[in-house]
C-alpha atoms as a PDB file:
ATOM      1  CA  UNK A   1     -28.113 -49.836   1.183  1.00  0.00           C
ATOM      2  CA  UNK A   2     -31.708 -48.893   1.050  1.00  0.00           C
ATOM      3  CA  UNK A   3     -31.311 -46.794   4.375  1.00  0.00           C
ATOM      4  CA  UNK A   4     -28.714 -44.981   2.476  1.00  0.00           C
ATOM      5  CA  UNK A   5     -30.629 -43.804  -0.315  1.00  0.00           C
ATOM      6  CA  UNK A   6     -33.893 -43.143   2.513  1.00  0.00           C
ATOM      7  CA  UNK A   7     -30.923 -40.737   4.213  1.00  0.00           C
ATOM      8  CA  UNK A   8     -30.444 -38.945   0.899  1.00  0.00           C
ATOM      9  CA  UNK A   9     -33.963 -38.433  -0.046  1.00  0.00           C
ATOM     10  CA  UNK A  10     -34.637 -37.111   2.914  1.00  0.00           C
ATOM     11  CA  UNK A  11     -31.106 -34.306   3.084  1.00  0.00           C
ATOM     12  CA  UNK A  12     -32.481 -33.768  -0.475  1.00  0.00           C
ATOM     13  CA  UNK A  13     -35.828 -32.820   0.228  1.00  0.00           C
ATOM     14  CA  UNK A  14     -34.604 -30.374   3.213  1.00  0.00           C
ATOM     15  CA  UNK A  15     -32.635 -29.029   0.964  1.00  0.00           C
ATOM     16  CA  UNK A  16     -35.047 -28.323  -1.540  1.00  0.00           C
ATOM     17  CA  UNK A  17     -37.284 -26.684   0.699  1.00  0.00           C
ATOM     18  CA  UNK A  18     -34.660 -24.697   2.469  1.00  0.00           C
ATOM     19  CA  UNK A  19     -33.720 -23.233  -0.997  1.00  0.00           C
ATOM     20  CA  UNK A  20     -37.719 -22.358  -1.707  1.00  0.00           C
ATOM     21  CA  UNK A  21     -37.761 -20.788   1.478  1.00  0.00           C
ATOM     22  CA  UNK A  22     -34.627 -18.554   0.869  1.00  0.00           C
ATOM     23  CA  UNK A  23     -36.119 -17.550  -2.322  1.00  0.00           C
ATOM     24  CA  UNK A  24     -39.345 -16.572  -0.856  1.00  0.00           C
ATOM     25  CA  UNK A  25     -37.720 -14.922   1.951  1.00  0.00           C
ATOM     26  CA  UNK A  26     -35.611 -12.416  -0.417  1.00  0.00           C
ATOM     27  CA  UNK A  27     -38.383 -12.117  -3.002  1.00  0.00           C
ATOM     28  CA  UNK A  28     -40.253 -10.102   0.064  1.00  0.00           C
ATOM     29  CA  UNK A  29     -40.511  -6.632   0.037  1.00  0.00           C
ATOM     30  CA  UNK A  30     -39.314  -5.983   3.759  1.00  0.00           C
ATOM     31  CA  UNK A  31     -35.977  -7.359   2.609  1.00  0.00           C
ATOM     32  CA  UNK A  32     -35.394  -5.296   0.270  1.00  0.00           C
ATOM     33  CA  UNK A  33     -31.974  -2.517  -0.076  1.00  0.00           C
ATOM     34  CA  UNK A  34     -32.361  -0.162   2.157  1.00  0.00           C
ATOM     35  CA  UNK A  35     -31.727   2.041  -1.274  1.00  0.00           C
ATOM     36  CA  UNK A  36     -35.331   1.875  -2.168  1.00  0.00           C
ATOM     37  CA  UNK A  37     -36.652   3.507   1.124  1.00  0.00           C
ATOM     38  CA  UNK A  38     -36.459   7.001   2.399  1.00  0.00           C
ATOM     39  CA  UNK A  39     -36.483   7.726   6.764  1.00  0.00           C
ATOM     40  CA  UNK A  40     -39.246  10.010   7.884  1.00  0.00           C
ATOM     41  CA  UNK A  41     -39.753  11.405  11.487  1.00  0.00           C
ATOM     42  CA  UNK A  42     -43.284  12.214  12.393  1.00  0.00           C
ATOM     43  CA  UNK A  43     -43.014  14.130  15.960  1.00  0.00           C
ATOM     44  CA  UNK A  44     -46.358  12.585  18.137  1.00  0.00           C
ATOM     45  CA  UNK A  45     -47.258  14.177  21.648  1.00  0.00           C
ATOM     46  CA  UNK A  46     -48.014  10.866  22.524  1.00  0.00           C
ATOM     47  CA  UNK A  47     -46.511   6.937  21.345  1.00  0.00           C
ATOM     48  CA  UNK A  48     -49.331   4.958  22.646  1.00  0.00           C
ATOM     49  CA  UNK A  49     -50.754   2.742  20.216  1.00  0.00           C
ATOM     50  CA  UNK A  50     -46.996   3.008  18.057  1.00  0.00           C
ATOM     51  CA  UNK A  51     -44.642   0.055  17.782  1.00  0.00           C
ATOM     52  CA  UNK A  52     -41.612  -0.366  15.833  1.00  0.00           C
ATOM     53  CA  UNK A  53     -42.549  -2.603  12.765  1.00  0.00           C
ATOM     54  CA  UNK A  54     -46.381  -1.177  12.489  1.00  0.00           C
ATOM     55  CA  UNK A  55     -47.800  -0.379   9.683  1.00  0.00           C
ATOM     56  CA  UNK A  56     -47.863   2.909   8.027  1.00  0.00           C
ATOM     57  CA  UNK A  57     -50.603   3.755   5.109  1.00  0.00           C
ATOM     58  CA  UNK A  58     -51.767   6.191   2.917  1.00  0.00           C
ATOM     59  CA  UNK A  59     -55.165   6.452   1.558  1.00  0.00           C
ATOM     60  CA  UNK A  60     -55.382   2.702   2.613  1.00  0.00           C
ATOM     61  CA  UNK A  61     -52.216   1.469   1.250  1.00  0.00           C
ATOM     62  CA  UNK A  62     -48.806  -0.254   2.734  1.00  0.00           C
ATOM     63  CA  UNK A  63     -46.342   2.455   2.090  1.00  0.00           C
ATOM     64  CA  UNK A  64     -43.753   1.444   5.154  1.00  0.00           C
ATOM     65  CA  UNK A  65     -42.992   0.667   8.853  1.00  0.00           C
ATOM     66  CA  UNK A  66     -42.044   2.522  11.627  1.00  0.00           C
ATOM     67  CA  UNK A  67     -38.654   1.096  12.303  1.00  0.00           C
ATOM     68  CA  UNK A  68     -37.440   3.066  15.812  1.00  0.00           C
ATOM     69  CA  UNK A  69     -39.524   5.534  18.691  1.00  0.00           C
ATOM     70  CA  UNK A  70     -37.461   7.422  20.644  1.00  0.00           C
ATOM     71  CA  UNK A  71     -37.925  10.435  23.175  1.00  0.00           C
ATOM     72  CA  UNK A  72     -37.032  13.924  22.624  1.00  0.00           C
ATOM     73  CA  UNK A  73     -35.940  14.642  25.617  1.00  0.00           C
ATOM     74  CA  UNK A  74     -35.782  18.325  25.009  1.00  0.00           C
ATOM     75  CA  UNK A  75     -38.951  18.755  24.005  1.00  0.00           C
ATOM     76  CA  UNK A  76     -40.518  15.741  25.316  1.00  0.00           C
ATOM     77  CA  UNK A  77     -42.427  14.949  22.300  1.00  0.00           C
ATOM     78  CA  UNK A  78     -42.068  11.128  20.641  1.00  0.00           C
ATOM     79  CA  UNK A  79     -40.667  11.148  17.855  1.00  0.00           C
ATOM     80  CA  UNK A  80     -41.188   8.133  15.486  1.00  0.00           C
ATOM     81  CA  UNK A  81     -38.891   7.124  12.506  1.00  0.00           C
ATOM     82  CA  UNK A  82     -40.235   5.229   9.512  1.00  0.00           C
ATOM     83  CA  UNK A  83     -39.016   3.745   6.705  1.00  0.00           C
ATOM     84  CA  UNK A  84     -41.280   4.422   3.929  1.00  0.00           C
ATOM     85  CA  UNK A  85     -40.686   3.059  -0.020  1.00  0.00           C
ATOM     86  CA  UNK A  86     -38.585   5.732  -2.241  1.00  0.00           C
ATOM     87  CA  UNK A  87     -41.352   5.585  -4.826  1.00  0.00           C
ATOM     88  CA  UNK A  88     -44.280   7.525  -3.226  1.00  0.00           C
ATOM     89  CA  UNK A  89     -43.805  11.311  -3.322  1.00  0.00           C
ATOM     90  CA  UNK A  90     -45.544  12.265   0.246  1.00  0.00           C
ATOM     91  CA  UNK A  91     -46.012  16.359   0.031  1.00  0.00           C
ATOM     92  CA  UNK A  92     -44.090  18.189   2.524  1.00  0.00           C
ATOM     93  CA  UNK A  93     -47.535  19.584   3.952  1.00  0.00           C
ATOM     94  CA  UNK A  94     -49.175  15.803   4.861  1.00  0.00           C
ATOM     95  CA  UNK A  95     -49.967  14.988   8.167  1.00  0.00           C
ATOM     96  CA  UNK A  96     -49.567  11.327  10.001  1.00  0.00           C
ATOM     97  CA  UNK A  97     -52.252  10.239  12.270  1.00  0.00           C
ATOM     98  CA  UNK A  98     -52.136   6.492  14.837  1.00  0.00           C
ATOM     99  CA  UNK A  99     -55.591   5.099  14.140  1.00  0.00           C
ATOM    100  CA  UNK A 100     -57.635   1.785  15.406  1.00  0.00           C
ATOM    101  CA  UNK A 101     -57.528  -0.693  12.918  1.00  0.00           C
ATOM    102  CA  UNK A 102     -60.569  -2.097  14.644  1.00  0.00           C
ATOM    103  CA  UNK A 103     -62.648  -2.635  17.513  1.00  0.00           C
ATOM    104  CA  UNK A 104     -59.814  -5.536  18.724  1.00  0.00           C
ATOM    105  CA  UNK A 105     -57.889  -2.661  19.444  1.00  0.00           C
ATOM    106  CA  UNK A 106     -55.019  -3.054  16.767  1.00  0.00           C
ATOM    107  CA  UNK A 107     -53.273   0.388  15.767  1.00  0.00           C
ATOM    108  CA  UNK A 108     -51.511   1.589  11.861  1.00  0.00           C
ATOM    109  CA  UNK A 109     -50.082   5.082  11.680  1.00  0.00           C
ATOM    110  CA  UNK A 110     -51.732   7.026   8.242  1.00  0.00           C
ATOM    111  CA  UNK A 111     -50.551   9.764   6.191  1.00  0.00           C
ATOM    112  CA  UNK A 112     -52.802  12.392   5.133  1.00  0.00           C
ATOM    113  CA  UNK A 113     -51.372  13.570   1.962  1.00  0.00           C
ATOM    114  CA  UNK A 114     -51.749  17.337   1.295  1.00  0.00           C
ATOM    115  CA  UNK A 115     -51.798  19.595  -1.499  1.00  0.00           C
ATOM    116  CA  UNK A 116     -47.987  20.643  -1.719  1.00  0.00           C
ATOM    117  CA  UNK A 117     -46.134  20.459  -5.201  1.00  0.00           C
ATOM    118  CA  UNK A 118     -43.349  19.612  -2.666  1.00  0.00           C
ATOM    119  CA  UNK A 119     -42.193  16.492  -1.538  1.00  0.00           C
ATOM    120  CA  UNK A 120     -40.517  15.130   1.642  1.00  0.00           C
ATOM    121  CA  UNK A 121     -36.730  14.307   0.916  1.00  0.00           C
ATOM    122  CA  UNK A 122     -34.950  11.109   2.813  1.00  0.00           C
ATOM    123  CA  UNK A 123     -34.413  12.149   6.812  1.00  0.00           C
ATOM    124  CA  UNK A 124     -37.994  14.635   6.252  1.00  0.00           C
ATOM    125  CA  UNK A 125     -39.916  15.779   9.909  1.00  0.00           C
ATOM    126  CA  UNK A 126     -43.629  15.783   9.449  1.00  0.00           C
ATOM    127  CA  UNK A 127     -44.827  17.976  12.284  1.00  0.00           C
ATOM    128  CA  UNK A 128     -48.887  17.683  11.598  1.00  0.00           C
ATOM    129  CA  UNK A 129     -49.751  15.086  13.761  1.00  0.00           C
ATOM    130  CA  UNK A 130     -52.283  13.635  16.145  1.00  0.00           C
ATOM    131  CA  UNK A 131     -51.454  10.848  18.541  1.00  0.00           C
ATOM    132  CA  UNK A 132     -53.654   7.565  18.941  1.00  0.00           C
ATOM    133  CA  UNK A 133     -57.105   8.006  21.272  1.00  0.00           C
ATOM    134  CA  UNK A 134     -58.573   4.456  21.968  1.00  0.00           C
ATOM    135  CA  UNK A 135     -61.328   3.267  20.353  1.00  0.00           C
ATOM    136  CA  UNK A 136     -63.873   3.841  23.757  1.00  0.00           C
ATOM    137  CA  UNK A 137     -62.579   7.469  23.494  1.00  0.00           C
ATOM    138  CA  UNK A 138     -63.157   7.828  19.857  1.00  0.00           C
ATOM    139  CA  UNK A 139     -66.416   6.399  20.453  1.00  0.00           C
ATOM    140  CA  UNK A 140     -67.555   8.409  23.138  1.00  0.00           C
ATOM    141  CA  UNK A 141     -66.488  11.954  21.521  1.00  0.00           C
ATOM    142  CA  UNK A 142     -68.540  10.846  18.983  1.00  0.00           C
ATOM    143  CA  UNK A 143     -70.964  10.438  21.393  1.00  0.00           C
ATOM    144  CA  UNK A 144     -71.146  13.620  23.143  1.00  0.00           C
ATOM    145  CA  UNK A 145     -70.337  15.604  19.787  1.00  0.00           C
ATOM    146  CA  UNK A 146     -73.512  14.280  18.166  1.00  0.00           C
END
Protein backbone atom coordinates (compact mmCIF):
# COMPACT_ATOMS: atom_id res chain seq x y z
CA UNK A 1 0.00 0.00 0.00
CA UNK A 2 2.85 2.38 0.78
CA UNK A 3 4.28 1.78 -2.73
CA UNK A 4 1.02 2.99 -4.27
CA UNK A 5 1.10 6.18 -2.20
CA UNK A 6 4.67 6.83 -3.28
CA UNK A 7 3.82 6.30 -6.95
CA UNK A 8 0.76 8.54 -6.66
CA UNK A 9 2.87 11.26 -4.99
CA UNK A 10 5.52 11.09 -7.73
CA UNK A 11 2.83 11.18 -10.43
CA UNK A 12 1.16 14.21 -8.80
CA UNK A 13 4.51 15.99 -8.57
CA UNK A 14 5.22 15.33 -12.27
CA UNK A 15 1.78 16.66 -13.23
CA UNK A 16 2.27 19.75 -11.07
CA UNK A 17 5.68 20.52 -12.60
CA UNK A 18 4.29 19.94 -16.11
CA UNK A 19 1.39 22.30 -15.46
CA UNK A 20 3.76 24.97 -14.12
CA UNK A 21 5.99 24.61 -17.19
CA UNK A 22 3.01 24.93 -19.57
CA UNK A 23 1.82 28.02 -17.69
CA UNK A 24 5.27 29.59 -18.02
CA UNK A 25 5.49 28.63 -21.69
CA UNK A 26 2.20 30.32 -22.58
CA UNK A 27 3.15 33.48 -20.64
CA UNK A 28 6.27 33.91 -22.77
CA UNK A 29 5.97 36.73 -25.36
CA UNK A 30 7.37 34.56 -28.13
CA UNK A 31 4.26 32.37 -28.02
CA UNK A 32 1.97 35.40 -28.45
CA UNK A 33 -0.66 35.15 -31.18
CA UNK A 34 0.42 36.25 -34.65
CA UNK A 35 -2.09 39.10 -34.58
CA UNK A 36 0.21 40.86 -32.09
CA UNK A 37 2.98 40.97 -34.72
CA UNK A 38 3.55 42.61 -38.07
CA UNK A 39 5.81 41.28 -40.79
CA UNK A 40 8.47 43.44 -42.40
CA UNK A 41 11.02 42.60 -45.06
CA UNK A 42 14.52 44.10 -45.14
CA UNK A 43 16.46 43.81 -48.40
CA UNK A 44 20.20 43.17 -47.90
CA UNK A 45 23.09 42.73 -50.34
CA UNK A 46 24.39 39.92 -48.10
CA UNK A 47 22.77 37.69 -45.48
CA UNK A 48 26.06 37.13 -43.67
CA UNK A 49 25.54 37.20 -39.90
CA UNK A 50 21.75 36.76 -40.25
CA UNK A 51 19.90 33.61 -39.25
CA UNK A 52 16.29 32.75 -38.45
CA UNK A 53 15.36 33.74 -34.87
CA UNK A 54 18.05 36.47 -34.82
CA UNK A 55 16.94 39.26 -32.47
CA UNK A 56 15.69 42.52 -33.96
CA UNK A 57 16.25 45.57 -31.76
CA UNK A 58 15.41 49.25 -31.96
CA UNK A 59 17.19 51.67 -29.66
CA UNK A 60 18.68 48.67 -27.85
CA UNK A 61 15.29 47.11 -27.03
CA UNK A 62 14.20 43.79 -28.50
CA UNK A 63 11.15 44.31 -30.72
CA UNK A 64 11.09 41.07 -32.72
CA UNK A 65 12.93 38.30 -34.52
CA UNK A 66 14.01 37.31 -37.98
CA UNK A 67 11.47 34.74 -39.19
CA UNK A 68 13.05 33.63 -42.48
CA UNK A 69 15.64 34.51 -45.12
CA UNK A 70 15.06 34.12 -48.84
CA UNK A 71 17.17 34.74 -51.93
CA UNK A 72 15.57 37.06 -54.46
CA UNK A 73 16.75 35.30 -57.65
CA UNK A 74 15.67 38.17 -59.85
CA UNK A 75 17.48 40.99 -58.03
CA UNK A 76 20.16 38.76 -56.41
CA UNK A 77 19.47 40.18 -52.96
CA UNK A 78 18.64 38.62 -49.60
CA UNK A 79 15.08 39.20 -48.38
CA UNK A 80 15.08 39.05 -44.59
CA UNK A 81 11.59 38.59 -43.14
CA UNK A 82 11.06 39.89 -39.62
CA UNK A 83 8.24 39.45 -37.15
CA UNK A 84 7.91 42.71 -35.18
CA UNK A 85 5.67 43.63 -32.24
CA UNK A 86 2.56 45.38 -33.60
CA UNK A 87 2.58 48.01 -30.84
CA UNK A 88 5.88 49.45 -32.16
CA UNK A 89 5.56 52.24 -34.73
CA UNK A 90 8.54 52.13 -37.08
CA UNK A 91 8.84 55.19 -39.37
CA UNK A 92 8.77 54.16 -43.02
CA UNK A 93 12.13 55.82 -43.74
CA UNK A 94 13.96 53.72 -41.11
CA UNK A 95 17.02 51.65 -41.94
CA UNK A 96 18.18 48.22 -40.81
CA UNK A 97 21.66 46.94 -40.17
CA UNK A 98 23.31 43.85 -38.77
CA UNK A 99 25.79 44.62 -36.02
CA UNK A 100 28.18 42.63 -33.85
CA UNK A 101 27.01 41.93 -30.34
CA UNK A 102 30.53 41.69 -29.01
CA UNK A 103 34.03 40.45 -29.73
CA UNK A 104 32.94 36.81 -29.75
CA UNK A 105 31.01 37.19 -32.99
CA UNK A 106 27.33 37.23 -31.98
CA UNK A 107 25.10 39.47 -34.10
CA UNK A 108 21.70 41.10 -33.97
CA UNK A 109 19.71 43.28 -36.33
CA UNK A 110 19.00 46.84 -35.35
CA UNK A 111 16.44 49.16 -36.86
CA UNK A 112 17.53 52.79 -36.89
CA UNK A 113 14.35 54.88 -36.76
CA UNK A 114 13.88 57.56 -39.38
CA UNK A 115 11.99 60.82 -39.01
CA UNK A 116 8.92 60.12 -41.14
CA UNK A 117 5.45 60.75 -39.72
CA UNK A 118 4.12 57.59 -41.38
CA UNK A 119 4.89 54.09 -40.15
CA UNK A 120 5.43 50.74 -41.83
CA UNK A 121 2.33 48.64 -42.29
CA UNK A 122 2.25 44.83 -42.21
CA UNK A 123 4.29 43.59 -45.18
CA UNK A 124 6.36 46.80 -45.46
CA UNK A 125 9.84 46.74 -46.97
CA UNK A 126 12.97 48.33 -45.52
CA UNK A 127 15.26 49.16 -48.43
CA UNK A 128 17.91 51.19 -46.57
CA UNK A 129 20.11 48.46 -45.13
CA UNK A 130 23.70 47.86 -44.13
CA UNK A 131 25.04 44.30 -44.38
CA UNK A 132 27.13 42.81 -41.59
CA UNK A 133 30.85 43.29 -41.72
CA UNK A 134 32.87 41.11 -39.36
CA UNK A 135 34.41 42.58 -36.22
CA UNK A 136 37.93 42.35 -37.71
CA UNK A 137 36.85 44.27 -40.81
CA UNK A 138 35.08 46.88 -38.69
CA UNK A 139 38.14 47.38 -36.48
CA UNK A 140 40.45 47.54 -39.50
CA UNK A 141 38.28 50.18 -41.17
CA UNK A 142 38.16 52.20 -37.95
CA UNK A 143 41.96 52.07 -37.66
CA UNK A 144 42.53 52.99 -41.34
CA UNK A 145 40.01 55.84 -41.30
CA UNK A 146 41.55 57.52 -38.25
